C-alpha atoms as a PDB file:
ATOM      1  CA  UNK A   1     120.680 100.711  22.801  1.00  0.00           C
ATOM      2  CA  UNK A   2     121.789  99.602  26.073  1.00  0.00           C
ATOM      3  CA  UNK A   3     125.028  97.406  26.193  1.00  0.00           C
ATOM      4  CA  UNK A   4     126.278  95.718  29.289  1.00  0.00           C
ATOM      5  CA  UNK A   5     129.665  93.988  29.231  1.00  0.00           C
ATOM      6  CA  UNK A   6     130.367  91.790  32.175  1.00  0.00           C
ATOM      7  CA  UNK A   7     133.485  89.700  33.209  1.00  0.00           C
ATOM      8  CA  UNK A   8     134.097  87.023  35.854  1.00  0.00           C
ATOM      9  CA  UNK A   9     137.877  87.067  36.793  1.00  0.00           C
ATOM     10  CA  UNK A  10     139.345  84.449  39.102  1.00  0.00           C
ATOM     11  CA  UNK A  11     142.772  84.930  40.876  1.00  0.00           C
ATOM     12  CA  UNK A  12     145.023  82.320  42.710  1.00  0.00           C
ATOM     13  CA  UNK A  13     146.035  83.748  46.102  1.00  0.00           C
ATOM     14  CA  UNK A  14     148.868  82.665  48.450  1.00  0.00           C
ATOM     15  CA  UNK A  15     146.975  84.290  51.348  1.00  0.00           C
ATOM     16  CA  UNK A  16     147.143  82.375  54.576  1.00  0.00           C
ATOM     17  CA  UNK A  17     143.986  84.001  56.037  1.00  0.00           C
ATOM     18  CA  UNK A  18     140.881  85.781  54.956  1.00  0.00           C
ATOM     19  CA  UNK A  19     142.333  88.996  56.243  1.00  0.00           C
ATOM     20  CA  UNK A  20     145.214  88.639  53.628  1.00  0.00           C
ATOM     21  CA  UNK A  21     142.568  87.839  50.948  1.00  0.00           C
ATOM     22  CA  UNK A  22     140.590  90.883  51.810  1.00  0.00           C
ATOM     23  CA  UNK A  23     143.737  93.056  51.532  1.00  0.00           C
ATOM     24  CA  UNK A  24     144.432  91.825  48.096  1.00  0.00           C
ATOM     25  CA  UNK A  25     140.692  91.947  47.014  1.00  0.00           C
ATOM     26  CA  UNK A  26     140.386  95.601  48.356  1.00  0.00           C
ATOM     27  CA  UNK A  27     143.632  96.599  46.498  1.00  0.00           C
ATOM     28  CA  UNK A  28     142.428  95.236  43.215  1.00  0.00           C
ATOM     29  CA  UNK A  29     138.946  96.549  43.544  1.00  0.00           C
ATOM     30  CA  UNK A  30     139.930 100.108  44.772  1.00  0.00           C
ATOM     31  CA  UNK A  31     142.716 100.645  42.048  1.00  0.00           C
ATOM     32  CA  UNK A  32     140.294  99.446  39.351  1.00  0.00           C
ATOM     33  CA  UNK A  33     137.675 101.748  40.536  1.00  0.00           C
ATOM     34  CA  UNK A  34     139.860 104.596  40.730  1.00  0.00           C
ATOM     35  CA  UNK A  35     141.137 104.075  37.168  1.00  0.00           C
ATOM     36  CA  UNK A  36     137.978 103.031  35.293  1.00  0.00           C
ATOM     37  CA  UNK A  37     134.189 103.890  35.645  1.00  0.00           C
ATOM     38  CA  UNK A  38     133.155 100.327  36.187  1.00  0.00           C
ATOM     39  CA  UNK A  39     131.397  98.298  38.847  1.00  0.00           C
ATOM     40  CA  UNK A  40     133.607  95.794  40.592  1.00  0.00           C
ATOM     41  CA  UNK A  41     132.746  93.268  43.360  1.00  0.00           C
ATOM     42  CA  UNK A  42     133.910  89.999  44.917  1.00  0.00           C
ATOM     43  CA  UNK A  43     131.205  87.564  43.790  1.00  0.00           C
ATOM     44  CA  UNK A  44     132.258  83.958  44.628  1.00  0.00           C
ATOM     45  CA  UNK A  45     134.540  81.986  46.964  1.00  0.00           C
ATOM     46  CA  UNK A  46     134.008  84.488  49.699  1.00  0.00           C
ATOM     47  CA  UNK A  47     135.209  82.140  52.510  1.00  0.00           C
ATOM     48  CA  UNK A  48     138.092  80.523  50.567  1.00  0.00           C
ATOM     49  CA  UNK A  49     141.325  82.207  51.166  1.00  0.00           C
ATOM     50  CA  UNK A  50     143.103  80.796  48.355  1.00  0.00           C
ATOM     51  CA  UNK A  51     140.833  82.022  45.580  1.00  0.00           C
ATOM     52  CA  UNK A  52     139.324  85.469  44.613  1.00  0.00           C
ATOM     53  CA  UNK A  53     136.562  85.797  42.081  1.00  0.00           C
ATOM     54  CA  UNK A  54     135.655  89.357  40.958  1.00  0.00           C
ATOM     55  CA  UNK A  55     132.715  90.408  38.822  1.00  0.00           C
ATOM     56  CA  UNK A  56     133.095  93.488  36.673  1.00  0.00           C
ATOM     57  CA  UNK A  57     130.606  95.381  34.566  1.00  0.00           C
ATOM     58  CA  UNK A  58     130.557  98.155  32.085  1.00  0.00           C
ATOM     59  CA  UNK A  59     127.426  99.949  30.685  1.00  0.00           C
ATOM     60  CA  UNK A  60     127.594 101.754  27.446  1.00  0.00           C
ATOM     61  CA  UNK A  61     125.552 102.415  24.265  1.00  0.00           C
ATOM     62  CA  UNK A  62     128.133 100.935  22.099  1.00  0.00           C
ATOM     63  CA  UNK A  63     129.344  97.319  22.052  1.00  0.00           C
ATOM     64  CA  UNK A  64     132.751  97.957  20.829  1.00  0.00           C
ATOM     65  CA  UNK A  65     133.394 100.584  23.487  1.00  0.00           C
ATOM     66  CA  UNK A  66     132.068  98.464  26.248  1.00  0.00           C
ATOM     67  CA  UNK A  67     134.355  95.454  25.179  1.00  0.00           C
ATOM     68  CA  UNK A  68     137.285  97.692  24.744  1.00  0.00           C
ATOM     69  CA  UNK A  69     136.910  99.209  28.156  1.00  0.00           C
ATOM     70  CA  UNK A  70     136.324  95.680  29.704  1.00  0.00           C
ATOM     71  CA  UNK A  71     139.465  94.445  27.888  1.00  0.00           C
ATOM     72  CA  UNK A  72     141.472  97.448  29.362  1.00  0.00           C
ATOM     73  CA  UNK A  73     140.182  96.615  32.983  1.00  0.00           C
ATOM     74  CA  UNK A  74     141.063  92.955  32.655  1.00  0.00           C
ATOM     75  CA  UNK A  75     144.569  93.912  31.296  1.00  0.00           C
ATOM     76  CA  UNK A  76     144.908  96.495  34.185  1.00  0.00           C
ATOM     77  CA  UNK A  77     144.036  93.855  36.856  1.00  0.00           C
ATOM     78  CA  UNK A  78     146.326  91.351  35.270  1.00  0.00           C
ATOM     79  CA  UNK A  79     149.214  93.802  35.273  1.00  0.00           C
ATOM     80  CA  UNK A  80     148.876  94.745  38.903  1.00  0.00           C
ATOM     81  CA  UNK A  81     150.757  91.602  39.789  1.00  0.00           C
ATOM     82  CA  UNK A  82     148.804  91.347  43.041  1.00  0.00           C
ATOM     83  CA  UNK A  83     147.732  87.889  42.285  1.00  0.00           C
ATOM     84  CA  UNK A  84     147.905  85.594  39.087  1.00  0.00           C
ATOM     85  CA  UNK A  85     144.720  85.579  37.049  1.00  0.00           C
ATOM     86  CA  UNK A  86     143.743  81.869  36.480  1.00  0.00           C
ATOM     87  CA  UNK A  87     140.325  82.353  34.771  1.00  0.00           C
ATOM     88  CA  UNK A  88     138.601  85.119  32.776  1.00  0.00           C
ATOM     89  CA  UNK A  89     135.075  84.926  31.332  1.00  0.00           C
ATOM     90  CA  UNK A  90     133.160  87.624  29.614  1.00  0.00           C
ATOM     91  CA  UNK A  91     129.846  88.201  28.169  1.00  0.00           C
ATOM     92  CA  UNK A  92     128.026  91.065  26.357  1.00  0.00           C
ATOM     93  CA  UNK A  93     124.438  91.786  26.747  1.00  0.00           C
ATOM     94  CA  UNK A  94     122.355  93.895  24.295  1.00  0.00           C
ATOM     95  CA  UNK A  95     119.077  95.553  25.202  1.00  0.00           C
ATOM     96  CA  UNK A  96     117.029  97.185  22.512  1.00  0.00           C
ATOM     97  CA  UNK A  97     114.714 100.288  22.949  1.00  0.00           C
ATOM     98  CA  UNK A  98     111.881  99.908  25.299  1.00  0.00           C
ATOM     99  CA  UNK A  99     108.651  99.056  23.801  1.00  0.00           C
ATOM    100  CA  UNK A 100     105.930 101.681  23.407  1.00  0.00           C
ATOM    101  CA  UNK A 101     103.742 101.897  26.398  1.00  0.00           C
ATOM    102  CA  UNK A 102     106.104  99.988  28.564  1.00  0.00           C
ATOM    103  CA  UNK A 103     105.797 102.585  31.423  1.00  0.00           C
ATOM    104  CA  UNK A 104     102.053 102.865  30.894  1.00  0.00           C
ATOM    105  CA  UNK A 105     101.352  99.120  31.469  1.00  0.00           C
ATOM    106  CA  UNK A 106      99.009  98.274  34.328  1.00  0.00           C
ATOM    107  CA  UNK A 107     100.958  97.660  37.545  1.00  0.00           C
ATOM    108  CA  UNK A 108     100.399  94.052  38.827  1.00  0.00           C
ATOM    109  CA  UNK A 109     100.727  95.279  42.223  1.00  0.00           C
ATOM    110  CA  UNK A 110      97.938  97.951  42.941  1.00  0.00           C
ATOM    111  CA  UNK A 111      99.380  99.033  46.205  1.00  0.00           C
ATOM    112  CA  UNK A 112     100.788 102.561  46.087  1.00  0.00           C
ATOM    113  CA  UNK A 113     104.000 103.858  47.652  1.00  0.00           C
ATOM    114  CA  UNK A 114     101.937 105.958  50.040  1.00  0.00           C
ATOM    115  CA  UNK A 115     100.109 102.817  51.276  1.00  0.00           C
ATOM    116  CA  UNK A 116     103.423 100.982  51.816  1.00  0.00           C
ATOM    117  CA  UNK A 117     104.964 103.934  53.603  1.00  0.00           C
ATOM    118  CA  UNK A 118     101.878 104.211  55.839  1.00  0.00           C
ATOM    119  CA  UNK A 119     101.908 100.658  56.773  1.00  0.00           C
ATOM    120  CA  UNK A 120     105.592 100.665  58.017  1.00  0.00           C
ATOM    121  CA  UNK A 121     106.435 101.508  61.510  1.00  0.00           C
ATOM    122  CA  UNK A 122     109.217 104.154  61.753  1.00  0.00           C
ATOM    123  CA  UNK A 123     112.339 102.898  63.688  1.00  0.00           C
ATOM    124  CA  UNK A 124     112.179 104.478  67.058  1.00  0.00           C
ATOM    125  CA  UNK A 125     115.166 105.094  69.180  1.00  0.00           C
ATOM    126  CA  UNK A 126     114.780 104.224  72.774  1.00  0.00           C
END
């Protein structure tokens, strides 16, 4: 079974510029990625220097493991003290096994990869 745990985390910033915001965002994202095998990215409020919203996801085959890992990530981000966390939302998605014959289904787009590649002009350097 495929389990995806996702979180949206909002932080309040005292940054006076987008450069300051990027510094805090980069520090949070880099520290989290170094410590945990998760995906983290800025997802909202990109042009607002007073707010930072990050999305985080964990993929696992066990819901309890995914939520535990996500809880550790949230706790870690909160305890970096780079910015106060003002909102946290999380959700878990479950995906069952693929149906038999899924990969054998008729492709609605009959164009092959070779046809697509042949129709594209290679980038030329002048």
